[in-house]
Amino acid sequence: MMKVGILGYGNLGKGVECAIKHAPDAELTAVFTRRDPASVKLLTKGVPVVNVSEIENYKDKIDVLMLCGGSATDLPKQTPEYAKLYNVIDSFDTHAKIPEHYAAVDKAAKESGHTALISCGWDPGMFSLNRLYANCILPEGNDYTFWGKGVSQGHSDAIRRIEGVKDGKQYTIPVPEALEAVRNGENPTLSTRQKHTRECFVVAEEGADKAKIENEIKTMPNYFADYDTTVHFISEEELIRDHSGIPHGGFVFRSGKTGWDNEYNNIIEYSLKLDSNPAFTSSVLLAYARAVNRLHNEGVNGCKTVFDVAPAMLSPLSDDEIRAHML
């Protein structure tokens, strides 16, 4: 049995706990938190909740530590720090900063003799794999990635930080015409605005200036300014009733040519439709934690990504079973 520890018991940490319940070869050993451990109630009976200050005491009891913090401030510090103590895996998703995050984690893991895997989930993660596979198969072609319709947790947080906003949620939505043009093999050149729209549902504080809030949202650089954005003001009851979930998903396309004169058109499409973004992401994390544990047992250390892991290492099945039932 692979012994798993969870650091951080938010949406992702809870998702990992649920994934472990359905894994035949994994068990939850401990959950570490920055909160008062007495305030954290697990679904799994008999598992200790421990303050993060005591995390070193579990070094001999955990095979893989799942890091379930945020990419903005938690993981850049936590992953290299805890790679000195444990085999670790994270879902770091700030694409532009992956190379520097990889370098920091690789250094820490190699120096301590541990195995780490970063940027695991569905994007980066499963979408990354599909982009790589498709580029290898169709070297002459174009890549397209669409996200949504789904809740962007980072954009939703940005809305909530605006003065006068009590609560809010933001959905990223692919532009249907752009999606269809790609699917039809038209190979369009698309700007940021042409690929996605953003829809915001906002609960304003009593007496707040709604026009000012809407303007701040629509002109926010790096979040909304480059998109066609719609803002709806709703009641807190409506937000809870209609927007309490965290769905997401998206599409990855590669359109390319084959044949002596590139006379044949081809389109590779991979899509996801998720009721719960964190529940799915945590399931991907657990599968790759299995690979991290196996790689470490084979003497492999340092930092890895999904590109470095053979598919069979993700499965609890034997190689014979995989060949018999899935090949």
C-alpha atoms as a PDB file:
ATOM      1  CA  MET A   1       0.000   0.000   0.000  1.00  0.00           C
ATOM      2  CA  MET A   2       1.201   3.490  -0.884  1.00  0.00           C
ATOM      3  CA  LYS A   3       1.037   5.683   2.214  1.00  0.00           C
ATOM      4  CA  VAL A   4      -0.156   9.194   1.324  1.00  0.00           C
ATOM      5  CA  GLY A   5      -0.004  12.455   3.228  1.00  0.00           C
ATOM      6  CA  ILE A   6      -2.015  15.553   2.301  1.00  0.00           C
ATOM      7  CA  LEU A   7      -0.796  19.079   2.968  1.00  0.00           C
ATOM      8  CA  GLY A   8      -3.725  21.501   2.815  1.00  0.00           C
ATOM      9  CA  TYR A   9      -7.354  20.498   3.297  1.00  0.00           C
ATOM     10  CA  GLY A  10      -9.209  22.802   0.936  1.00  0.00           C
ATOM     11  CA  ASN A  11     -11.131  21.736  -2.173  1.00  0.00           C
ATOM     12  CA  LEU A  12      -8.127  19.924  -3.650  1.00  0.00           C
ATOM     13  CA  GLY A  13      -7.106  18.223  -0.409  1.00  0.00           C
ATOM     14  CA  LYS A  14     -10.646  16.969   0.114  1.00  0.00           C
ATOM     15  CA  GLY A  15     -10.642  15.700  -3.468  1.00  0.00           C
ATOM     16  CA  VAL A  16      -7.451  13.728  -2.856  1.00  0.00           C
ATOM     17  CA  GLU A  17      -9.015  12.166   0.238  1.00  0.00           C
ATOM     18  CA  CYS A  18     -11.998  11.042  -1.858  1.00  0.00           C
ATOM     19  CA  ALA A  19      -9.726   9.653  -4.595  1.00  0.00           C
ATOM     20  CA  ILE A  20      -7.764   7.626  -2.036  1.00  0.00           C
ATOM     21  CA  LYS A  21     -11.007   6.031  -0.844  1.00  0.00           C
ATOM     22  CA  HIS A  22     -11.448   4.436  -4.291  1.00  0.00           C
ATOM     23  CA  ALA A  23      -7.808   3.433  -4.851  1.00  0.00           C
ATOM     24  CA  PRO A  24      -7.009  -0.239  -4.124  1.00  0.00           C
ATOM     25  CA  ASP A  25      -3.345   0.429  -3.425  1.00  0.00           C
ATOM     26  CA  ALA A  26      -3.318   3.698  -1.437  1.00  0.00           C
ATOM     27  CA  GLU A  27      -4.132   4.719   2.111  1.00  0.00           C
ATOM     28  CA  LEU A  28      -4.288   8.098   3.811  1.00  0.00           C
ATOM     29  CA  THR A  29      -1.767   8.415   6.626  1.00  0.00           C
ATOM     30  CA  ALA A  30      -2.119  12.022   7.788  1.00  0.00           C
ATOM     31  CA  VAL A  31      -3.458  15.439   6.811  1.00  0.00           C
ATOM     32  CA  PHE A  32      -1.319  18.495   7.580  1.00  0.00           C
ATOM     33  CA  THR A  33      -2.837  21.931   8.033  1.00  0.00           C
ATOM     34  CA  ARG A  34      -1.893  25.489   8.981  1.00  0.00           C
ATOM     35  CA  ARG A  35      -5.219  25.772  10.795  1.00  0.00           C
ATOM     36  CA  ASP A  36      -6.072  24.508  14.240  1.00  0.00           C
ATOM     37  CA  PRO A  37      -6.192  20.709  13.682  1.00  0.00           C
ATOM     38  CA  ALA A  38      -9.262  20.469  15.927  1.00  0.00           C
ATOM     39  CA  SER A  39     -11.189  22.612  13.429  1.00  0.00           C
ATOM     40  CA  VAL A  40     -10.572  20.204  10.509  1.00  0.00           C
ATOM     41  CA  LYS A  41     -13.013  17.301  10.169  1.00  0.00           C
ATOM     42  CA  LEU A  42     -11.985  14.542   7.758  1.00  0.00           C
ATOM     43  CA  LEU A  43     -14.262  12.122   5.925  1.00  0.00           C
ATOM     44  CA  THR A  44     -11.847   9.254   6.645  1.00  0.00           C
ATOM     45  CA  LYS A  45     -12.089   7.846  10.147  1.00  0.00           C
ATOM     46  CA  GLY A  46      -8.997   7.301  12.246  1.00  0.00           C
ATOM     47  CA  VAL A  47      -6.628   9.544  10.273  1.00  0.00           C
ATOM     48  CA  PRO A  48      -4.788  12.203  12.285  1.00  0.00           C
ATOM     49  CA  VAL A  49      -4.966  15.901  11.407  1.00  0.00           C
ATOM     50  CA  VAL A  50      -1.622  17.451  12.293  1.00  0.00           C
ATOM     51  CA  ASN A  51      -0.339  21.011  12.395  1.00  0.00           C
ATOM     52  CA  VAL A  52       2.179  21.626   9.637  1.00  0.00           C
ATOM     53  CA  SER A  53       4.822  22.478  12.242  1.00  0.00           C
ATOM     54  CA  GLU A  54       5.000  18.744  13.050  1.00  0.00           C
ATOM     55  CA  ILE A  55       5.337  17.529   9.468  1.00  0.00           C
ATOM     56  CA  GLU A  56       8.927  16.319   9.890  1.00  0.00           C
ATOM     57  CA  ASN A  57       7.756  13.761  12.445  1.00  0.00           C
ATOM     58  CA  TYR A  58       6.099  11.705   9.681  1.00  0.00           C
ATOM     59  CA  LYS A  59       9.123  11.233   7.411  1.00  0.00           C
ATOM     60  CA  ASP A  60       9.183   7.461   7.895  1.00  0.00           C
ATOM     61  CA  LYS A  61       5.396   7.046   7.647  1.00  0.00           C
ATOM     62  CA  ILE A  62       4.593   8.610   4.257  1.00  0.00           C
ATOM     63  CA  ASP A  63       5.575   7.485   0.747  1.00  0.00           C
ATOM     64  CA  VAL A  64       4.231  10.523  -1.134  1.00  0.00           C
ATOM     65  CA  LEU A  65       3.172  13.915   0.191  1.00  0.00           C
ATOM     66  CA  MET A  66       0.409  15.562  -1.871  1.00  0.00           C
ATOM     67  CA  LEU A  67       0.805  19.348  -1.878  1.00  0.00           C
ATOM     68  CA  CYS A  68      -2.659  20.879  -2.214  1.00  0.00           C
ATOM     69  CA  GLY A  69      -1.927  24.584  -1.845  1.00  0.00           C
ATOM     70  CA  GLY A  70      -2.260  27.397  -4.363  1.00  0.00           C
ATOM     71  CA  SER A  71       0.127  28.197  -7.204  1.00  0.00           C
ATOM     72  CA  ALA A  72       0.400  31.914  -6.454  1.00  0.00           C
ATOM     73  CA  THR A  73       2.153  31.802  -3.079  1.00  0.00           C
ATOM     74  CA  ASP A  74       2.003  28.293  -1.546  1.00  0.00           C
ATOM     75  CA  LEU A  75       3.582  25.888  -4.027  1.00  0.00           C
ATOM     76  CA  PRO A  76       6.606  27.961  -5.124  1.00  0.00           C
ATOM     77  CA  LYS A  77       7.780  27.779  -1.516  1.00  0.00           C
ATOM     78  CA  GLN A  78       6.275  24.484  -0.324  1.00  0.00           C
ATOM     79  CA  THR A  79       7.273  22.108  -3.125  1.00  0.00           C
ATOM     80  CA  PRO A  80      11.052  22.695  -2.969  1.00  0.00           C
ATOM     81  CA  GLU A  81      10.888  22.897   0.834  1.00  0.00           C
ATOM     82  CA  TYR A  82       9.087  19.586   1.325  1.00  0.00           C
ATOM     83  CA  ALA A  83      10.984  17.822  -1.475  1.00  0.00           C
ATOM     84  CA  LYS A  84      13.846  17.891   1.024  1.00  0.00           C
ATOM     85  CA  LEU A  85      11.795  15.670   3.349  1.00  0.00           C
ATOM     86  CA  TYR A  86       9.433  13.636   1.144  1.00  0.00           C
ATOM     87  CA  ASN A  87       8.606  12.421  -2.307  1.00  0.00           C
ATOM     88  CA  VAL A  88       6.136  15.120  -3.391  1.00  0.00           C
ATOM     89  CA  ILE A  89       3.636  15.994  -6.086  1.00  0.00           C
ATOM     90  CA  ASP A  90       1.905  19.301  -6.822  1.00  0.00           C
ATOM     91  CA  SER A  91      -0.537  20.905  -9.271  1.00  0.00           C
ATOM     92  CA  PHE A  92       1.430  24.122  -9.941  1.00  0.00           C
ATOM     93  CA  ASP A  93      -0.410  25.734 -12.852  1.00  0.00           C
ATOM     94  CA  THR A  94       1.262  29.090 -13.545  1.00  0.00           C
ATOM     95  CA  HIS A  95       2.427  28.034 -17.016  1.00  0.00           C
ATOM     96  CA  ALA A  96       4.958  30.828 -17.540  1.00  0.00           C
ATOM     97  CA  LYS A  97       6.748  30.040 -14.282  1.00  0.00           C
ATOM     98  CA  ILE A  98       6.967  26.249 -14.665  1.00  0.00           C
ATOM     99  CA  PRO A  99      10.649  26.255 -15.788  1.00  0.00           C
ATOM    100  CA  GLU A 100      11.847  28.156 -12.703  1.00  0.00           C
ATOM    101  CA  HIS A 101       9.603  26.083 -10.404  1.00  0.00           C
ATOM    102  CA  TYR A 102      10.990  22.904 -11.958  1.00  0.00           C
ATOM    103  CA  ALA A 103      14.586  24.065 -11.404  1.00  0.00           C
ATOM    104  CA  ALA A 104      14.001  24.854  -7.717  1.00  0.00           C
ATOM    105  CA  VAL A 105      12.231  21.555  -7.027  1.00  0.00           C
ATOM    106  CA  ASP A 106      14.744  19.505  -9.031  1.00  0.00           C
ATOM    107  CA  LYS A 107      17.637  20.923  -7.017  1.00  0.00           C
ATOM    108  CA  ALA A 108      15.957  20.196  -3.669  1.00  0.00           C
ATOM    109  CA  ALA A 109      14.851  16.681  -4.638  1.00  0.00           C
ATOM    110  CA  LYS A 110      18.220  15.640  -6.053  1.00  0.00           C
ATOM    111  CA  GLU A 111      20.103  16.942  -3.026  1.00  0.00           C
ATOM    112  CA  SER A 112      17.839  14.987  -0.669  1.00  0.00           C
ATOM    113  CA  GLY A 113      17.456  11.852  -2.805  1.00  0.00           C
ATOM    114  CA  HIS A 114      13.705  12.280  -3.257  1.00  0.00           C
ATOM    115  CA  THR A 115      11.386  12.128  -6.257  1.00  0.00           C
ATOM    116  CA  ALA A 116       9.086  15.026  -7.128  1.00  0.00           C
ATOM    117  CA  LEU A 117       6.510  15.647  -9.842  1.00  0.00           C
ATOM    118  CA  ILE A 118       5.140  19.121 -10.562  1.00  0.00           C
ATOM    119  CA  SER A 119       2.335  20.704 -12.579  1.00  0.00           C
ATOM    120  CA  CYS A 120       0.065  17.681 -12.477  1.00  0.00           C
ATOM    121  CA  GLY A 121      -3.658  17.935 -13.197  1.00  0.00           C
ATOM    122  CA  TRP A 122      -5.602  18.522 -16.375  1.00  0.00           C
ATOM    123  CA  ASP A 123      -3.938  21.719 -17.611  1.00  0.00           C
ATOM    124  CA  PRO A 124      -1.073  21.535 -17.072  1.00  0.00           C
ATOM    125  CA  GLY A 125      -1.193  17.759 -17.031  1.00  0.00           C
ATOM    126  CA  MET A 126      -3.529  15.775 -19.254  1.00  0.00           C
ATOM    127  CA  PHE A 127      -3.874  18.633 -21.772  1.00  0.00           C
ATOM    128  CA  SER A 128      -0.075  18.941 -21.834  1.00  0.00           C
ATOM    129  CA  LEU A 129       0.285  15.269 -22.739  1.00  0.00           C
ATOM    130  CA  ASN A 130      -2.240  15.587 -25.527  1.00  0.00           C
ATOM    131  CA  ARG A 131      -0.473  18.639 -26.943  1.00  0.00           C
ATOM    132  CA  LEU A 132       2.837  16.757 -26.960  1.00  0.00           C
ATOM    133  CA  TYR A 133       1.431  13.545 -28.456  1.00  0.00           C
ATOM    134  CA  ALA A 134      -0.392  15.489 -31.158  1.00  0.00           C
ATOM    135  CA  ASN A 135       2.650  17.596 -32.057  1.00  0.00           C
ATOM    136  CA  CYS A 136       4.778  14.464 -32.412  1.00  0.00           C
ATOM    137  CA  ILE A 137       2.196  12.821 -34.659  1.00  0.00           C
ATOM    138  CA  LEU A 138       1.344  15.912 -36.717  1.00  0.00           C
ATOM    139  CA  PRO A 139       4.521  18.024 -36.918  1.00  0.00           C
ATOM    140  CA  GLU A 140       2.939  20.164 -39.654  1.00  0.00           C
ATOM    141  CA  GLY A 141      -0.009  21.821 -37.940  1.00  0.00           C
ATOM    142  CA  ASN A 142      -1.543  24.188 -35.414  1.00  0.00           C
ATOM    143  CA  ASP A 143      -2.387  23.929 -31.704  1.00  0.00           C
ATOM    144  CA  TYR A 144      -5.539  25.280 -30.083  1.00  0.00           C
ATOM    145  CA  THR A 145      -6.596  25.101 -26.443  1.00  0.00           C
ATOM    146  CA  PHE A 146      -9.987  26.207 -25.153  1.00  0.00           C
ATOM    147  CA  TRP A 147     -10.981  26.287 -21.465  1.00  0.00           C
ATOM    148  CA  GLY A 148     -14.546  26.046 -20.194  1.00  0.00           C
ATOM    149  CA  LYS A 149     -17.310  26.475 -19.813  1.00  0.00           C
ATOM    150  CA  GLY A 150     -16.160  26.479 -16.245  1.00  0.00           C
ATOM    151  CA  VAL A 151     -15.383  28.373 -13.073  1.00  0.00           C
ATOM    152  CA  SER A 152     -12.020  30.103 -12.932  1.00  0.00           C
ATOM    153  CA  GLN A 153     -11.095  30.129  -9.263  1.00  0.00           C
ATOM    154  CA  GLY A 154      -8.330  32.715  -9.741  1.00  0.00           C
ATOM    155  CA  HIS A 155     -10.570  35.121 -11.651  1.00  0.00           C
ATOM    156  CA  SER A 156     -13.356  34.623  -9.131  1.00  0.00           C
ATOM    157  CA  ASP A 157     -10.925  35.531  -6.358  1.00  0.00           C
ATOM    158  CA  ALA A 158      -9.896  38.656  -8.282  1.00  0.00           C
ATOM    159  CA  ILE A 159     -13.541  39.768  -8.406  1.00  0.00           C
ATOM    160  CA  ARG A 160     -13.996  39.232  -4.687  1.00  0.00           C
ATOM    161  CA  ARG A 161     -11.037  41.499  -3.919  1.00  0.00           C
ATOM    162  CA  ILE A 162     -12.737  44.532  -5.496  1.00  0.00           C
ATOM    163  CA  GLU A 163     -14.084  47.078  -3.028  1.00  0.00           C
ATOM    164  CA  GLY A 164     -17.846  46.715  -2.637  1.00  0.00           C
ATOM    165  CA  VAL A 165     -17.973  43.063  -3.705  1.00  0.00           C
ATOM    166  CA  LYS A 166     -19.322  40.648  -1.105  1.00  0.00           C
ATOM    167  CA  ASP A 167     -18.969  37.501  -3.208  1.00  0.00           C
ATOM    168  CA  GLY A 168     -18.662  36.486  -6.832  1.00  0.00           C
ATOM    169  CA  LYS A 169     -17.926  33.807  -9.370  1.00  0.00           C
ATOM    170  CA  GLN A 170     -16.505  33.962 -12.894  1.00  0.00           C
ATOM    171  CA  TYR A 171     -16.995  31.560 -15.794  1.00  0.00           C
ATOM    172  CA  THR A 172     -14.618  31.155 -18.719  1.00  0.00           C
ATOM    173  CA  ILE A 173     -16.558  30.325 -21.903  1.00  0.00           C
ATOM    174  CA  PRO A 174     -15.151  29.298 -25.313  1.00  0.00           C
ATOM    175  CA  VAL A 175     -16.483  31.353 -28.227  1.00  0.00           C
ATOM    176  CA  PRO A 176     -18.660  28.855 -30.172  1.00  0.00           C
ATOM    177  CA  GLU A 177     -17.710  30.226 -33.600  1.00  0.00           C
ATOM    178  CA  ALA A 178     -13.991  29.921 -32.840  1.00  0.00           C
ATOM    179  CA  LEU A 179     -14.433  26.401 -31.507  1.00  0.00           C
ATOM    180  CA  GLU A 180     -16.338  25.312 -34.599  1.00  0.00           C
ATOM    181  CA  ALA A 181     -13.808  26.918 -36.963  1.00  0.00           C
ATOM    182  CA  VAL A 182     -11.037  24.876 -35.363  1.00  0.00           C
ATOM    183  CA  ARG A 183     -13.121  21.716 -35.317  1.00  0.00           C
ATOM    184  CA  ASN A 184     -13.917  22.194 -39.018  1.00  0.00           C
ATOM    185  CA  GLY A 185     -10.235  22.390 -39.922  1.00  0.00           C
ATOM    186  CA  GLU A 186     -10.250  26.062 -40.941  1.00  0.00           C
ATOM    187  CA  ASN A 187      -7.005  26.725 -39.016  1.00  0.00           C
ATOM    188  CA  PRO A 188      -8.027  30.226 -37.906  1.00  0.00           C
ATOM    189  CA  THR A 189      -5.651  32.749 -36.365  1.00  0.00           C
ATOM    190  CA  LEU A 190      -7.386  33.741 -33.150  1.00  0.00           C
ATOM    191  CA  SER A 191      -6.748  36.561 -30.708  1.00  0.00           C
ATOM    192  CA  THR A 192      -7.327  36.179 -26.971  1.00  0.00           C
ATOM    193  CA  ARG A 193     -10.652  38.003 -27.289  1.00  0.00           C
ATOM    194  CA  GLN A 194     -11.776  35.779 -30.164  1.00  0.00           C
ATOM    195  CA  LYS A 195     -11.229  32.522 -28.240  1.00  0.00           C
ATOM    196  CA  HIS A 196     -12.983  33.079 -24.890  1.00  0.00           C
ATOM    197  CA  THR A 197     -15.530  35.279 -23.170  1.00  0.00           C
ATOM    198  CA  ARG A 198     -15.899  35.812 -19.432  1.00  0.00           C
ATOM    199  CA  GLU A 199     -19.144  35.927 -17.474  1.00  0.00           C
ATOM    200  CA  CYS A 200     -19.240  37.242 -13.898  1.00  0.00           C
ATOM    201  CA  PHE A 201     -21.917  36.826 -11.247  1.00  0.00           C
ATOM    202  CA  VAL A 202     -21.435  39.364  -8.471  1.00  0.00           C
ATOM    203  CA  VAL A 203     -23.027  39.912  -5.066  1.00  0.00           C
ATOM    204  CA  ALA A 204     -22.503  43.575  -4.181  1.00  0.00           C
ATOM    205  CA  GLU A 205     -22.322  44.986  -0.675  1.00  0.00           C
ATOM    206  CA  GLU A 206     -25.344  47.030   0.325  1.00  0.00           C
ATOM    207  CA  GLY A 207     -24.994  50.543  -1.045  1.00  0.00           C
ATOM    208  CA  ALA A 208     -21.995  49.688  -3.247  1.00  0.00           C
ATOM    209  CA  ASP A 209     -21.479  51.497  -6.555  1.00  0.00           C
ATOM    210  CA  LYS A 210     -22.345  48.760  -9.048  1.00  0.00           C
ATOM    211  CA  ALA A 211     -21.286  50.793 -12.084  1.00  0.00           C
ATOM    212  CA  LYS A 212     -17.849  51.310 -10.530  1.00  0.00           C
ATOM    213  CA  ILE A 213     -17.540  47.595  -9.714  1.00  0.00           C
ATOM    214  CA  GLU A 214     -18.500  46.598 -13.255  1.00  0.00           C
ATOM    215  CA  ASN A 215     -15.968  49.019 -14.731  1.00  0.00           C
ATOM    216  CA  GLU A 216     -13.190  47.740 -12.437  1.00  0.00           C
ATOM    217  CA  ILE A 217     -13.920  44.180 -13.481  1.00  0.00           C
ATOM    218  CA  LYS A 218     -14.034  44.868 -17.205  1.00  0.00           C
ATOM    219  CA  THR A 219     -10.841  46.949 -17.209  1.00  0.00           C
ATOM    220  CA  MET A 220      -8.791  44.724 -14.883  1.00  0.00           C
ATOM    221  CA  PRO A 221      -5.473  44.000 -16.621  1.00  0.00           C
ATOM    222  CA  ASN A 222      -4.326  40.373 -17.008  1.00  0.00           C
ATOM    223  CA  TYR A 223      -7.800  39.145 -16.014  1.00  0.00           C
ATOM    224  CA  PHE A 224     -10.657  40.771 -17.935  1.00  0.00           C
ATOM    225  CA  ALA A 225      -9.394  43.680 -20.040  1.00  0.00           C
ATOM    226  CA  ASP A 226      -8.525  41.469 -23.021  1.00  0.00           C
ATOM    227  CA  TYR A 227     -11.896  39.689 -23.077  1.00  0.00           C
ATOM    228  CA  ASP A 228     -15.525  40.472 -23.811  1.00  0.00           C
ATOM    229  CA  THR A 229     -16.839  40.361 -20.245  1.00  0.00           C
ATOM    230  CA  THR A 230     -20.424  40.360 -18.985  1.00  0.00           C
ATOM    231  CA  VAL A 231     -21.217  41.258 -15.379  1.00  0.00           C
ATOM    232  CA  HIS A 232     -24.459  40.171 -13.674  1.00  0.00           C
ATOM    233  CA  PHE A 233     -25.396  41.480 -10.226  1.00  0.00           C
ATOM    234  CA  ILE A 234     -27.369  38.895  -8.275  1.00  0.00           C
ATOM    235  CA  SER A 235     -28.391  38.198  -4.686  1.00  0.00           C
ATOM    236  CA  GLU A 236     -26.367  36.084  -2.297  1.00  0.00           C
ATOM    237  CA  GLU A 237     -29.165  33.512  -2.303  1.00  0.00           C
ATOM    238  CA  GLU A 238     -29.010  33.247  -6.104  1.00  0.00           C
ATOM    239  CA  LEU A 239     -25.239  32.798  -6.016  1.00  0.00           C
ATOM    240  CA  ILE A 240     -25.517  29.971  -3.488  1.00  0.00           C
ATOM    241  CA  ARG A 241     -28.437  28.359  -5.330  1.00  0.00           C
ATOM    242  CA  ASP A 242     -27.148  28.603  -8.900  1.00  0.00           C
ATOM    243  CA  HIS A 243     -23.355  28.918  -8.674  1.00  0.00           C
ATOM    244  CA  SER A 244     -22.122  26.841  -5.733  1.00  0.00           C
ATOM    245  CA  GLY A 245     -20.339  24.214  -7.841  1.00  0.00           C
ATOM    246  CA  ILE A 246     -16.853  24.277  -9.392  1.00  0.00           C
ATOM    247  CA  PRO A 247     -17.353  22.766 -12.864  1.00  0.00           C
ATOM    248  CA  HIS A 248     -14.758  23.114 -15.613  1.00  0.00           C
ATOM    249  CA  GLY A 249     -13.324  21.449 -18.678  1.00  0.00           C
ATOM    250  CA  GLY A 250     -12.081  22.308 -22.121  1.00  0.00           C
ATOM    251  CA  PHE A 251     -10.672  21.195 -25.444  1.00  0.00           C
ATOM    252  CA  VAL A 252      -7.236  20.607 -26.947  1.00  0.00           C
ATOM    253  CA  PHE A 253      -6.921  20.477 -30.740  1.00  0.00           C
ATOM    254  CA  ARG A 254      -4.127  19.784 -33.164  1.00  0.00           C
ATOM    255  CA  SER A 255      -4.956  20.257 -36.833  1.00  0.00           C
ATOM    256  CA  GLY A 256      -2.284  19.072 -39.228  1.00  0.00           C
ATOM    257  CA  LYS A 257      -1.321  17.672 -42.597  1.00  0.00           C
ATOM    258  CA  THR A 258      -0.055  14.249 -43.663  1.00  0.00           C
ATOM    259  CA  GLY A 259       0.895  12.691 -46.981  1.00  0.00           C
ATOM    260  CA  TRP A 260       3.729  13.287 -49.474  1.00  0.00           C
ATOM    261  CA  ASP A 261       2.422  16.709 -50.422  1.00  0.00           C
ATOM    262  CA  ASN A 262       0.521  17.261 -47.174  1.00  0.00           C
ATOM    263  CA  GLU A 263      -2.673  16.484 -49.057  1.00  0.00           C
ATOM    264  CA  TYR A 264      -4.516  14.920 -46.122  1.00  0.00           C
ATOM    265  CA  ASN A 265      -6.133  16.952 -43.352  1.00  0.00           C
ATOM    266  CA  ASN A 266      -6.299  15.619 -39.800  1.00  0.00           C
ATOM    267  CA  ILE A 267      -7.765  16.895 -36.550  1.00  0.00           C
ATOM    268  CA  ILE A 268      -6.950  15.504 -33.102  1.00  0.00           C
ATOM    269  CA  GLU A 269      -9.396  16.576 -30.383  1.00  0.00           C
ATOM    270  CA  TYR A 270      -9.274  15.839 -26.667  1.00  0.00           C
ATOM    271  CA  SER A 271     -11.970  17.192 -24.390  1.00  0.00           C
ATOM    272  CA  LEU A 272     -13.006  17.180 -20.743  1.00  0.00           C
ATOM    273  CA  LYS A 273     -16.312  18.047 -19.099  1.00  0.00           C
ATOM    274  CA  LEU A 274     -15.964  18.099 -15.326  1.00  0.00           C
ATOM    275  CA  ASP A 275     -18.615  18.496 -12.641  1.00  0.00           C
ATOM    276  CA  SER A 276     -15.842  19.346 -10.184  1.00  0.00           C
ATOM    277  CA  ASN A 277     -12.489  20.754 -11.215  1.00  0.00           C
ATOM    278  CA  PRO A 278     -10.704  19.929  -7.904  1.00  0.00           C
ATOM    279  CA  ALA A 279     -12.193  16.425  -7.667  1.00  0.00           C
ATOM    280  CA  PHE A 280     -10.884  15.540 -11.132  1.00  0.00           C
ATOM    281  CA  THR A 281      -7.520  17.244 -10.594  1.00  0.00           C
ATOM    282  CA  SER A 282      -7.020  15.298  -7.367  1.00  0.00           C
ATOM    283  CA  SER A 283      -7.737  12.023  -9.184  1.00  0.00           C
ATOM    284  CA  VAL A 284      -4.994  12.845 -11.685  1.00  0.00           C
ATOM    285  CA  LEU A 285      -2.676  13.708  -8.800  1.00  0.00           C
ATOM    286  CA  LEU A 286      -3.261  10.362  -7.108  1.00  0.00           C
ATOM    287  CA  ALA A 287      -2.541   8.409 -10.295  1.00  0.00           C
ATOM    288  CA  TYR A 288       0.752  10.251 -10.709  1.00  0.00           C
ATOM    289  CA  ALA A 289       1.582   9.861  -7.024  1.00  0.00           C
ATOM    290  CA  ARG A 290       1.588   6.135  -7.737  1.00  0.00           C
ATOM    291  CA  ALA A 291       4.203   6.770 -10.436  1.00  0.00           C
ATOM    292  CA  VAL A 292       6.260   8.984  -8.115  1.00  0.00           C
ATOM    293  CA  ASN A 293       6.358   6.201  -5.536  1.00  0.00           C
ATOM    294  CA  ARG A 294       7.364   3.614  -8.128  1.00  0.00           C
ATOM    295  CA  LEU A 295      10.073   5.833  -9.614  1.00  0.00           C
ATOM    296  CA  HIS A 296      11.523   6.463  -6.170  1.00  0.00           C
ATOM    297  CA  ASN A 297      11.553   2.739  -5.420  1.00  0.00           C
ATOM    298  CA  GLU A 298      13.504   2.254  -8.659  1.00  0.00           C
ATOM    299  CA  GLY A 299      16.132   4.730  -7.498  1.00  0.00           C
ATOM    300  CA  VAL A 300      15.019   7.689  -9.615  1.00  0.00           C
ATOM    301  CA  ASN A 301      15.255  11.087  -7.951  1.00  0.00           C
ATOM    302  CA  GLY A 302      14.919  14.733  -8.908  1.00  0.00           C
ATOM    303  CA  CYS A 303      11.950  16.539 -10.415  1.00  0.00           C
ATOM    304  CA  LYS A 304       9.725  15.071 -13.124  1.00  0.00           C
ATOM    305  CA  THR A 305       6.663  16.162 -15.107  1.00  0.00           C
ATOM    306  CA  VAL A 306       3.884  14.181 -16.765  1.00  0.00           C
ATOM    307  CA  PHE A 307       6.105  13.987 -19.868  1.00  0.00           C
ATOM    308  CA  ASP A 308       8.591  11.767 -18.019  1.00  0.00           C
ATOM    309  CA  VAL A 309       6.164   9.109 -16.780  1.00  0.00           C
ATOM    310  CA  ALA A 310       5.224   5.992 -18.751  1.00  0.00           C
ATOM    311  CA  PRO A 311       1.433   5.446 -18.803  1.00  0.00           C
ATOM    312  CA  ALA A 312       1.650   1.997 -17.216  1.00  0.00           C
ATOM    313  CA  MET A 313       3.152   3.545 -14.074  1.00  0.00           C
ATOM    314  CA  LEU A 314      -0.154   5.291 -13.370  1.00  0.00           C
ATOM    315  CA  SER A 315      -2.177   2.098 -13.076  1.00  0.00           C
ATOM    316  CA  PRO A 316      -2.668  -0.219 -10.099  1.00  0.00           C
ATOM    317  CA  LEU A 317      -3.014  -3.066 -12.612  1.00  0.00           C
ATOM    318  CA  SER A 318      -0.115  -5.324 -13.553  1.00  0.00           C
ATOM    319  CA  ASP A 319       1.574  -4.998 -16.942  1.00  0.00           C
ATOM    320  CA  ASP A 320      -0.043  -8.293 -18.017  1.00  0.00           C
ATOM    321  CA  GLU A 321      -3.497  -6.991 -17.096  1.00  0.00           C
ATOM    322  CA  ILE A 322      -2.959  -3.721 -18.917  1.00  0.00           C
ATOM    323  CA  ARG A 323      -1.835  -5.489 -22.090  1.00  0.00           C
ATOM    324  CA  ALA A 324      -4.733  -7.954 -21.931  1.00  0.00           C
ATOM    325  CA  HIS A 325      -7.508  -5.421 -21.337  1.00  0.00           C
ATOM    326  CA  MET A 326      -6.383  -2.043 -22.674  1.00  0.00           C
ATOM    327  CA  LEU A 327      -3.923  -2.581 -25.516  1.00  0.00           C
END
